[in-house]
Amino acid sequence: MKYAVPVSGGVMCQHFGHCEQFALIDADEVKKEIIKKELIPAPEHQPGLLPPWLAGKGVKCVIAGGMGMSAQNLFSNHGVKVVIGALESDPEVAVLKHLNGSLDMGGNVCDH
């Protein structure tokens, strides 16, 4: 499974569409371990761009602190699961905790 986690300053960015990079993390769902991690620069912010862009890179799940409802719907339309309200700051730890069902969750920090 390929995950995408928005990153700014080396930690998870709480506002999904305004991150500096994305951590693309390939994980083995059975062994519950990370296979590969790649940091890629985020494209310029444009409404509606990120869902098809990340789906085109093979992403199946996005973990974020916050994301607007419109973006969540666009990801769903592209077959990408969205996990909102993640409190973990380390992208790799967030993915591992998600795989193990122990990801600390709060509310959606995005209100648009």
C-alpha atoms as a PDB file:
ATOM      1  CA  MET A   1       0.000   0.000   0.000  1.00  0.00           C
ATOM      2  CA  LYS A   2       1.329   3.441  -0.881  1.00  0.00           C
ATOM      3  CA  TYR A   3       0.665   6.269   1.570  1.00  0.00           C
ATOM      4  CA  ALA A   4       1.068  10.025   1.123  1.00  0.00           C
ATOM      5  CA  VAL A   5       1.741  12.257   4.116  1.00  0.00           C
ATOM      6  CA  PRO A   6       2.027  16.060   3.733  1.00  0.00           C
ATOM      7  CA  VAL A   7       5.313  17.367   5.179  1.00  0.00           C
ATOM      8  CA  SER A   8       6.679  20.806   6.066  1.00  0.00           C
ATOM      9  CA  GLY A   9       9.868  21.361   8.013  1.00  0.00           C
ATOM     10  CA  GLY A  10      10.418  17.597   8.220  1.00  0.00           C
ATOM     11  CA  VAL A  11       7.164  16.886  10.096  1.00  0.00           C
ATOM     12  CA  MET A  12       3.553  16.251   9.113  1.00  0.00           C
ATOM     13  CA  CYS A  13       1.944  19.457   7.908  1.00  0.00           C
ATOM     14  CA  GLN A  14      -1.419  19.969   9.552  1.00  0.00           C
ATOM     15  CA  HIS A  15      -2.861  21.812   6.529  1.00  0.00           C
ATOM     16  CA  PHE A  16      -2.758  19.296   3.699  1.00  0.00           C
ATOM     17  CA  GLY A  17      -2.844  21.605   0.678  1.00  0.00           C
ATOM     18  CA  HIS A  18      -0.127  23.922   1.979  1.00  0.00           C
ATOM     19  CA  CYS A  19       2.768  21.532   2.559  1.00  0.00           C
ATOM     20  CA  GLU A  20       6.304  21.774   1.184  1.00  0.00           C
ATOM     21  CA  GLN A  21       6.665  18.083   0.318  1.00  0.00           C
ATOM     22  CA  PHE A  22       4.886  14.766   0.353  1.00  0.00           C
ATOM     23  CA  ALA A  23       6.341  11.691   1.968  1.00  0.00           C
ATOM     24  CA  LEU A  24       5.374   8.789  -0.301  1.00  0.00           C
ATOM     25  CA  ILE A  25       5.660   5.688   1.819  1.00  0.00           C
ATOM     26  CA  ASP A  26       5.293   2.125   0.540  1.00  0.00           C
ATOM     27  CA  ALA A  27       4.253  -0.228   3.330  1.00  0.00           C
ATOM     28  CA  ASP A  28       3.678  -3.960   3.634  1.00  0.00           C
ATOM     29  CA  GLU A  29       0.223  -4.320   5.186  1.00  0.00           C
ATOM     30  CA  VAL A  30       0.840  -7.929   6.243  1.00  0.00           C
ATOM     31  CA  LYS A  31       4.266  -7.483   7.825  1.00  0.00           C
ATOM     32  CA  LYS A  32       3.286  -3.975   8.990  1.00  0.00           C
ATOM     33  CA  GLU A  33       6.562  -2.432   7.947  1.00  0.00           C
ATOM     34  CA  ILE A  34       7.819   0.322   5.689  1.00  0.00           C
ATOM     35  CA  ILE A  35       9.403  -0.830   2.456  1.00  0.00           C
ATOM     36  CA  LYS A  36      10.374   2.507   0.903  1.00  0.00           C
ATOM     37  CA  LYS A  37      10.099   6.235   1.619  1.00  0.00           C
ATOM     38  CA  GLU A  38      10.506   9.042  -0.867  1.00  0.00           C
ATOM     39  CA  LEU A  39      10.133  12.796  -0.320  1.00  0.00           C
ATOM     40  CA  ILE A  40       8.843  14.708  -3.331  1.00  0.00           C
ATOM     41  CA  PRO A  41       8.226  18.445  -3.673  1.00  0.00           C
ATOM     42  CA  ALA A  42       4.588  19.488  -3.552  1.00  0.00           C
ATOM     43  CA  PRO A  43       3.286  21.147  -6.710  1.00  0.00           C
ATOM     44  CA  GLU A  44       2.065  24.737  -6.618  1.00  0.00           C
ATOM     45  CA  HIS A  45      -1.254  24.931  -4.772  1.00  0.00           C
ATOM     46  CA  GLN A  46      -4.192  24.619  -7.165  1.00  0.00           C
ATOM     47  CA  PRO A  47      -7.690  23.519  -6.117  1.00  0.00           C
ATOM     48  CA  GLY A  48      -8.391  19.980  -7.295  1.00  0.00           C
ATOM     49  CA  LEU A  49      -4.820  19.196  -8.406  1.00  0.00           C
ATOM     50  CA  LEU A  50      -3.549  16.980  -5.581  1.00  0.00           C
ATOM     51  CA  PRO A  51      -6.076  14.101  -5.695  1.00  0.00           C
ATOM     52  CA  PRO A  52      -5.396  13.064  -9.326  1.00  0.00           C
ATOM     53  CA  TRP A  53      -1.685  13.904  -8.982  1.00  0.00           C
ATOM     54  CA  LEU A  54      -1.177  11.663  -5.935  1.00  0.00           C
ATOM     55  CA  ALA A  55      -3.482   8.933  -7.281  1.00  0.00           C
ATOM     56  CA  GLY A  56      -1.375   8.946 -10.452  1.00  0.00           C
ATOM     57  CA  LYS A  57       1.664   8.191  -8.294  1.00  0.00           C
ATOM     58  CA  GLY A  58      -0.066   5.069  -6.940  1.00  0.00           C
ATOM     59  CA  VAL A  59      -1.162   6.511  -3.589  1.00  0.00           C
ATOM     60  CA  LYS A  60      -3.981   4.513  -1.974  1.00  0.00           C
ATOM     61  CA  CYS A  61      -4.169   6.292   1.417  1.00  0.00           C
ATOM     62  CA  VAL A  62      -3.496   9.843   2.590  1.00  0.00           C
ATOM     63  CA  ILE A  63      -2.817  10.578   6.251  1.00  0.00           C
ATOM     64  CA  ALA A  64      -3.267  14.228   7.226  1.00  0.00           C
ATOM     65  CA  GLY A  65      -4.053  16.489  10.141  1.00  0.00           C
ATOM     66  CA  GLY A  66      -6.639  18.436   8.210  1.00  0.00           C
ATOM     67  CA  MET A  67      -8.293  18.565   4.801  1.00  0.00           C
ATOM     68  CA  GLY A  68     -11.352  20.302   3.398  1.00  0.00           C
ATOM     69  CA  MET A  69     -14.436  18.306   2.484  1.00  0.00           C
ATOM     70  CA  SER A  70     -14.113  19.069  -1.225  1.00  0.00           C
ATOM     71  CA  ALA A  71     -10.585  17.609  -1.324  1.00  0.00           C
ATOM     72  CA  GLN A  72     -11.745  14.565   0.654  1.00  0.00           C
ATOM     73  CA  ASN A  73     -14.487  13.948  -1.918  1.00  0.00           C
ATOM     74  CA  LEU A  74     -12.033  14.321  -4.812  1.00  0.00           C
ATOM     75  CA  PHE A  75      -9.674  11.791  -3.223  1.00  0.00           C
ATOM     76  CA  SER A  76     -12.576   9.378  -2.750  1.00  0.00           C
ATOM     77  CA  ASN A  77     -13.502   9.812  -6.424  1.00  0.00           C
ATOM     78  CA  HIS A  78      -9.922   8.786  -7.309  1.00  0.00           C
ATOM     79  CA  GLY A  79     -10.055   5.670  -5.105  1.00  0.00           C
ATOM     80  CA  VAL A  80      -7.803   7.119  -2.390  1.00  0.00           C
ATOM     81  CA  LYS A  81      -8.707   6.597   1.265  1.00  0.00           C
ATOM     82  CA  VAL A  82      -8.299   9.677   3.482  1.00  0.00           C
ATOM     83  CA  VAL A  83      -7.401   9.561   7.181  1.00  0.00           C
ATOM     84  CA  ILE A  84      -8.021  12.969   8.774  1.00  0.00           C
ATOM     85  CA  GLY A  85      -7.097  14.257  12.228  1.00  0.00           C
ATOM     86  CA  ALA A  86      -3.740  12.501  12.625  1.00  0.00           C
ATOM     87  CA  LEU A  87      -1.709  13.932  15.491  1.00  0.00           C
ATOM     88  CA  GLU A  88       1.612  12.169  14.824  1.00  0.00           C
ATOM     89  CA  SER A  89       4.373  14.479  13.576  1.00  0.00           C
ATOM     90  CA  ASP A  90       6.688  11.841  12.040  1.00  0.00           C
ATOM     91  CA  PRO A  91       5.332  10.590   8.673  1.00  0.00           C
ATOM     92  CA  GLU A  92       6.858   7.107   8.997  1.00  0.00           C
ATOM     93  CA  VAL A  93       5.580   6.660  12.548  1.00  0.00           C
ATOM     94  CA  ALA A  94       2.121   7.818  11.391  1.00  0.00           C
ATOM     95  CA  VAL A  95       2.050   5.133   8.695  1.00  0.00           C
ATOM     96  CA  LEU A  96       3.260   2.409  11.072  1.00  0.00           C
ATOM     97  CA  LYS A  97       0.690   3.418  13.691  1.00  0.00           C
ATOM     98  CA  HIS A  98      -2.041   3.436  11.032  1.00  0.00           C
ATOM     99  CA  LEU A  99      -1.035  -0.065   9.937  1.00  0.00           C
ATOM    100  CA  ASN A 100      -1.225  -1.225  13.566  1.00  0.00           C
ATOM    101  CA  GLY A 101      -4.511   0.573  14.307  1.00  0.00           C
ATOM    102  CA  SER A 102      -2.935   2.832  16.919  1.00  0.00           C
ATOM    103  CA  LEU A 103      -2.705   6.204  15.138  1.00  0.00           C
ATOM    104  CA  ASP A 104      -3.545   9.041  17.557  1.00  0.00           C
ATOM    105  CA  MET A 105      -6.453  11.009  16.151  1.00  0.00           C
ATOM    106  CA  GLY A 106      -7.925  14.425  16.846  1.00  0.00           C
ATOM    107  CA  GLY A 107     -10.326  16.601  14.913  1.00  0.00           C
ATOM    108  CA  ASN A 108      -9.998  17.924  11.376  1.00  0.00           C
ATOM    109  CA  VAL A 109      -7.903  21.098  11.674  1.00  0.00           C
ATOM    110  CA  CYS A 110      -9.139  22.369   8.280  1.00  0.00           C
ATOM    111  CA  ASP A 111     -12.423  24.263   8.132  1.00  0.00           C
ATOM    112  CA  HIS A 112     -12.861  24.759   4.378  1.00  0.00           C
END
